[in-house]
Protein backbone atom coordinates (compact mmCIF):
# COMPACT_ATOMS: atom_id res chain seq x y z
CA MET A 1 2.12 25.89 -18.93
CA PRO A 2 4.18 23.60 -20.70
CA GLU A 3 1.85 20.94 -22.96
CA PHE A 4 1.79 17.92 -20.94
CA GLY A 5 -0.29 15.87 -23.41
CA LEU A 6 -3.24 15.88 -20.89
CA ARG A 7 -6.59 15.79 -23.48
CA ILE A 8 -8.85 12.26 -22.55
CA SER A 9 -9.31 11.96 -26.78
CA ASP A 10 -12.31 9.62 -26.13
CA PHE A 11 -14.43 12.82 -24.06
CA ASP A 12 -12.33 16.09 -25.83
CA VAL A 13 -11.44 16.28 -22.19
CA ASP A 14 -8.89 18.61 -21.85
CA LEU A 15 -6.75 18.80 -18.30
CA GLN A 16 -4.25 20.93 -19.65
CA ARG A 17 -6.45 24.16 -20.62
CA ASP A 18 -10.11 23.22 -18.87
CA PHE A 19 -11.55 23.37 -15.53
CA PHE A 20 -12.68 20.00 -14.32
CA VAL A 21 -13.75 17.93 -11.22
CA ILE A 22 -12.86 14.78 -10.44
CA LEU A 23 -16.30 13.34 -8.81
CA GLY A 24 -17.56 10.57 -7.45
CA PRO A 25 -17.77 7.83 -4.30
CA CYS A 26 -15.03 6.96 -2.00
CA VAL A 27 -15.14 3.07 -3.14
CA ILE A 28 -17.26 1.23 -5.67
CA GLU A 29 -20.50 -0.44 -3.01
CA SER A 30 -22.02 -2.19 -6.14
CA ARG A 31 -22.48 -1.93 -9.62
CA ASP A 32 -25.98 -0.23 -9.21
CA HIS A 33 -25.24 2.38 -7.09
CA THR A 34 -21.76 3.44 -9.23
CA PHE A 35 -23.85 3.51 -12.56
CA PHE A 36 -26.44 5.60 -10.56
CA MET A 37 -23.75 8.15 -9.11
CA ALA A 38 -21.50 7.99 -12.57
CA ARG A 39 -25.07 8.81 -14.45
CA GLU A 40 -26.57 11.60 -11.70
CA LEU A 41 -23.08 13.42 -11.84
CA LYS A 42 -22.38 13.38 -15.24
CA ARG A 43 -25.94 14.84 -15.65
CA ILE A 44 -25.07 17.67 -13.12
CA ALA A 45 -21.72 18.47 -14.92
CA SER A 46 -23.31 18.77 -18.24
CA GLU A 47 -26.12 21.34 -16.65
CA GLN A 48 -23.09 23.35 -15.21
CA GLN A 49 -20.58 23.19 -18.59
CA VAL A 50 -17.64 21.64 -15.91
CA GLN A 51 -15.26 19.11 -17.36
CA PHE A 52 -16.05 15.58 -15.16
CA ILE A 53 -14.03 12.51 -14.59
CA PHE A 54 -15.94 10.15 -13.02
CA LYS A 55 -13.82 8.38 -9.63
CA ALA A 56 -14.26 5.21 -7.33
CA SER A 57 -11.89 2.96 -5.69
CA PHE A 58 -11.81 -0.96 -6.96
CA ASP A 59 -9.91 -1.37 -3.32
CA LYS A 60 -9.22 1.05 -0.54
CA ALA A 61 -6.31 -0.58 0.86
CA ASN A 62 -5.67 2.19 3.25
CA ARG A 63 -7.94 1.29 6.05
CA THR A 64 -7.97 2.76 9.75
CA SER A 65 -9.41 -1.27 10.69
CA ILE A 66 -9.28 -4.08 8.97
CA LYS A 67 -12.64 -4.85 9.73
CA SER A 68 -13.32 -1.84 7.07
CA PHE A 69 -15.09 -2.24 3.72
CA ARG A 70 -12.59 -1.98 0.91
CA GLY A 71 -14.40 -2.51 -2.44
CA PRO A 72 -14.97 -5.40 -5.19
CA GLY A 73 -11.30 -6.02 -5.82
CA MET A 74 -9.49 -5.16 -8.59
CA ASP A 75 -11.09 -7.42 -11.54
CA GLU A 76 -14.89 -7.15 -11.10
CA GLY A 77 -14.00 -3.27 -9.60
CA LEU A 78 -12.16 -2.46 -13.39
CA LYS A 79 -14.64 -4.25 -14.94
CA ILE A 80 -17.23 -2.28 -13.44
CA LEU A 81 -15.74 1.08 -14.58
CA ALA A 82 -14.98 -0.84 -17.66
CA ASP A 83 -18.94 -0.48 -18.52
CA VAL A 84 -19.54 3.06 -16.71
CA ARG A 85 -16.48 4.48 -19.25
CA LYS A 86 -18.21 2.75 -22.30
CA GLU A 87 -21.95 2.53 -21.72
CA LEU A 88 -22.42 6.57 -20.06
CA GLY A 89 -19.32 8.00 -21.68
CA VAL A 90 -17.53 9.42 -18.72
CA PRO A 91 -13.71 8.89 -18.17
CA VAL A 92 -12.95 7.15 -15.58
CA LEU A 93 -10.15 7.30 -12.33
CA SER A 94 -9.32 4.76 -9.96
CA ASP A 95 -6.57 4.54 -7.14
CA ILE A 96 -3.63 1.56 -7.76
CA HIS A 97 -1.31 -0.04 -4.61
CA ASP A 98 1.41 -2.00 -6.47
CA ILE A 99 2.70 -2.17 -9.55
CA GLU A 100 1.49 -5.34 -10.17
CA GLN A 101 -2.17 -3.48 -10.91
CA ALA A 102 -0.75 -0.95 -12.92
CA ARG A 103 -0.81 -2.83 -16.75
CA ALA A 104 -4.44 -3.96 -15.56
CA ALA A 105 -5.49 -0.70 -14.56
CA GLY A 106 -4.03 0.95 -17.29
CA GLU A 107 -6.06 -0.95 -19.94
CA VAL A 108 -9.12 0.60 -18.35
CA LEU A 109 -9.04 3.86 -16.98
CA ASP A 110 -8.05 7.41 -17.97
CA VAL A 111 -6.07 8.42 -15.13
CA LEU A 112 -4.32 6.15 -12.60
CA GLN A 113 -4.42 7.44 -9.26
CA ILE A 114 -1.36 7.35 -6.40
CA PRO A 115 -3.07 7.51 -3.02
CA ALA A 116 -1.30 10.13 -0.67
CA PHE A 117 0.54 7.35 1.51
CA LEU A 118 2.31 6.20 -1.06
CA SER A 119 3.16 9.11 -2.89
CA ARG A 120 7.04 8.45 -2.24
CA GLN A 121 7.09 4.79 -3.80
CA THR A 122 9.06 5.51 -6.98
CA ASP A 123 8.47 1.65 -8.84
CA LEU A 124 4.79 2.45 -8.51
CA ILE A 125 4.85 5.77 -9.96
CA VAL A 126 7.13 4.25 -12.52
CA ALA A 127 4.77 1.64 -13.44
CA ALA A 128 1.65 4.13 -13.40
CA ALA A 129 3.49 6.52 -15.88
CA ARG A 130 5.05 3.34 -18.20
CA THR A 131 1.30 2.57 -18.54
CA GLY A 132 0.52 6.38 -20.75
CA LYS A 133 -2.07 7.02 -18.81
CA ILE A 134 -2.45 10.83 -16.77
CA VAL A 135 -0.96 9.81 -13.31
CA ASN A 136 -2.81 12.00 -10.77
CA VAL A 137 -0.18 11.73 -7.35
CA LYS A 138 -1.79 12.47 -4.28
CA LYS A 139 0.71 14.79 -2.33
CA GLY A 140 1.38 13.00 0.84
CA GLN A 141 -0.06 14.22 4.44
CA PHE A 142 4.04 14.39 5.16
CA LEU A 143 5.56 16.39 2.28
CA ALA A 144 5.91 19.64 1.50
CA PRO A 145 4.36 20.98 -1.98
CA TRP A 146 7.82 21.61 -3.32
CA GLU A 147 9.11 17.67 -2.45
CA MET A 148 6.15 16.86 -5.30
CA LYS A 149 8.62 18.41 -8.23
CA ASN A 150 10.62 15.00 -7.08
CA VAL A 151 7.16 13.22 -8.24
CA VAL A 152 6.80 15.24 -11.36
CA GLU A 153 10.95 14.41 -12.70
CA LYS A 154 10.35 10.56 -11.82
CA ILE A 155 7.16 10.52 -13.83
CA GLY A 156 8.96 12.43 -16.97
CA GLU A 157 12.23 9.94 -16.52
CA ALA A 158 9.88 6.94 -16.67
CA GLY A 159 8.82 8.47 -20.14
CA GLY A 160 5.53 9.45 -18.56
CA GLY A 161 4.92 13.01 -18.21
CA ARG A 162 1.18 13.11 -18.20
CA CYS A 163 0.96 14.19 -14.67
CA ILE A 164 -1.29 16.25 -12.48
CA LEU A 165 -0.53 16.54 -8.66
CA THR A 166 -3.65 16.80 -6.00
CA GLU A 167 -3.28 18.54 -2.58
CA ARG A 168 -5.21 16.99 0.63
CA GLY A 169 -4.01 18.49 3.36
CA ALA A 170 -1.18 18.16 5.44
CA SER A 171 -0.93 16.17 8.93
CA PHE A 172 -1.45 18.91 12.25
CA GLY A 173 -1.01 16.99 15.35
CA TYR A 174 -3.04 13.96 15.61
CA ASN A 175 -6.50 12.94 13.74
CA ASN A 176 -6.43 16.40 12.03
CA LEU A 177 -5.28 17.77 8.28
CA VAL A 178 -4.54 21.16 7.04
CA VAL A 179 -4.40 23.00 4.09
CA ASP A 180 -1.44 25.66 2.95
CA PHE A 181 -2.92 27.16 0.22
CA ARG A 182 0.53 28.24 -1.01
CA SER A 183 0.97 24.34 -2.13
CA PHE A 184 -1.24 25.40 -5.34
CA PRO A 185 0.57 28.01 -7.22
CA ILE A 186 4.12 25.68 -5.78
CA MET A 187 2.88 23.35 -7.72
CA ARG A 188 1.86 24.79 -10.41
CA SER A 189 4.99 26.31 -10.88
CA PHE A 190 6.24 22.56 -12.21
CA GLY A 191 4.68 23.08 -15.29
CA VAL A 192 1.38 20.22 -14.43
CA PRO A 193 -2.21 20.81 -13.51
CA VAL A 194 -3.07 21.01 -9.70
CA VAL A 195 -6.30 20.03 -7.96
CA PHE A 196 -7.52 20.47 -4.80
CA ASP A 197 -8.98 17.27 -2.67
CA VAL A 198 -11.66 19.58 -0.49
CA THR A 199 -13.45 16.27 0.85
CA HIS A 200 -10.15 14.52 1.84
CA SER A 201 -8.44 17.67 3.11
CA LEU A 202 -11.63 18.12 5.54
CA GLN A 203 -11.05 14.63 6.73
CA LEU A 204 -9.96 13.73 10.43
CA PRO A 205 -8.12 10.59 10.18
CA GLY A 206 -8.72 8.00 12.17
CA GLY A 207 -10.86 10.28 14.47
CA GLN A 208 -13.74 7.47 15.00
CA GLY A 209 -10.83 5.20 16.50
CA GLN A 210 -11.62 2.20 13.73
CA SER A 211 -12.48 4.98 11.07
CA SER A 212 -11.81 8.25 10.20
CA GLY A 213 -14.20 11.21 10.58
CA GLY A 214 -14.84 14.67 8.94
CA GLN A 215 -16.37 18.29 8.87
CA PRO A 216 -18.39 18.16 5.52
CA GLN A 217 -19.93 21.22 6.63
CA TYR A 218 -16.95 23.07 5.53
CA ILE A 219 -16.87 21.74 1.74
CA PRO A 220 -18.49 24.71 0.14
CA HIS A 221 -15.81 27.15 1.80
CA PHE A 222 -12.77 24.97 0.68
CA ALA A 223 -13.89 24.35 -2.93
CA ARG A 224 -14.82 28.09 -3.23
CA ALA A 225 -11.74 29.21 -2.22
CA GLY A 226 -9.64 26.86 -4.04
CA VAL A 227 -10.99 27.58 -7.25
CA ALA A 228 -10.74 31.07 -5.80
CA ALA A 229 -6.63 30.54 -5.64
CA GLY A 230 -6.44 29.15 -9.36
CA VAL A 231 -6.20 25.65 -8.95
CA ASP A 232 -6.63 23.77 -12.01
CA GLY A 233 -9.62 21.08 -10.92
CA LEU A 234 -11.41 19.50 -7.86
CA PHE A 235 -11.86 16.02 -6.45
CA MET A 236 -14.40 15.86 -4.14
CA GLU A 237 -16.22 12.48 -3.21
CA VAL A 238 -19.96 12.53 -2.80
CA HIS A 239 -22.46 10.38 -2.13
CA ASP A 240 -26.37 10.01 -2.25
CA ASN A 241 -26.61 9.20 1.40
CA PRO A 242 -23.34 9.97 3.23
CA ALA A 243 -24.58 8.57 6.56
CA LYS A 244 -24.72 5.73 4.97
CA ALA A 245 -21.61 5.11 2.71
CA LEU A 246 -19.33 2.64 2.98
CA SER A 247 -16.03 4.32 3.24
CA ASP A 248 -15.31 7.79 3.83
CA GLY A 249 -18.70 9.14 4.30
CA PRO A 250 -17.99 11.69 6.86
CA ASN A 251 -16.40 14.04 4.71
CA ALA A 252 -18.45 13.18 1.80
CA LEU A 253 -20.06 15.91 -0.25
CA ASP A 254 -24.26 15.24 -0.27
CA LEU A 255 -25.49 14.39 -3.87
CA SER A 256 -28.10 16.90 -3.59
CA LEU A 257 -25.87 19.98 -2.70
CA LEU A 258 -23.53 19.24 -5.41
CA PRO A 259 -25.24 21.16 -7.97
CA GLY A 260 -25.75 24.35 -5.94
CA LEU A 261 -22.13 24.56 -5.33
CA LEU A 262 -20.89 24.23 -8.91
CA ARG A 263 -23.21 26.81 -10.18
CA GLN A 264 -21.18 28.98 -6.86
CA LEU A 265 -17.80 27.60 -8.45
CA THR A 266 -18.44 28.26 -12.43
CA ALA A 267 -18.97 31.48 -11.43
CA ILE A 268 -15.63 32.20 -9.14
CA ARG A 269 -14.26 30.40 -11.91
CA SER A 270 -15.57 32.55 -14.96
CA VAL A 271 -14.42 36.06 -12.58
CA LEU A 272 -10.72 34.65 -12.69
CA THR A 273 -11.08 34.00 -16.27
CA ALA A 274 -12.22 37.30 -17.40
CA THR A 275 -9.42 38.99 -15.77
């Protein structure tokens, strides 16, 4: 695989070589909750010796209903994430939704994430790439995996190259998604790390009328299958009380289940690396 400079030097994390996990709540619910989750996730990942990036969105622009909770906004959200990064010593990731957010986000975040519904927005991708930070682009539910090569090329043409591609399922009729596991080797053939977004792949978009549903009971099955298929990293939204989560609770992993699942995943990974 070509070198794309995917080291986060401040934390000695090399996404080009190390298996890693992107974990956190869907949205920043409060400063206290964000710090609690980041602290617990860091502890669990450290115990399992897994490289960890903390994620939480400062704004969830893509919501089913106009009444849905979106988060604290960019200014307050980035301040919280900056403090998490500094005080807890973990790399941080969040979404951006328009080109005006790229520069400010790039001053704080280690990884800028492009949401799946915006994965064809050239100006947004270019703006993210020009920050010099790692850009994680989620594959649109409407895209074939081979189409993501165009995204990699856009980032390269913008002078970037620090790129991750994330699979999060494809639309399968109404309110349902399906994962084509062929997408992992296809997208890895572009020379960039590939992440499997387990929890969003189990989302039922708009399935509850004014919010999305989910099938969290299948998270362990998908996660184990993804690691066995050879992905470079996993993305999972985790919450200490999914039933009370302010966004995407129906498809989040309960925090209490994470240690056991990570033990299984690292065991599967060790088998792959030993062969």
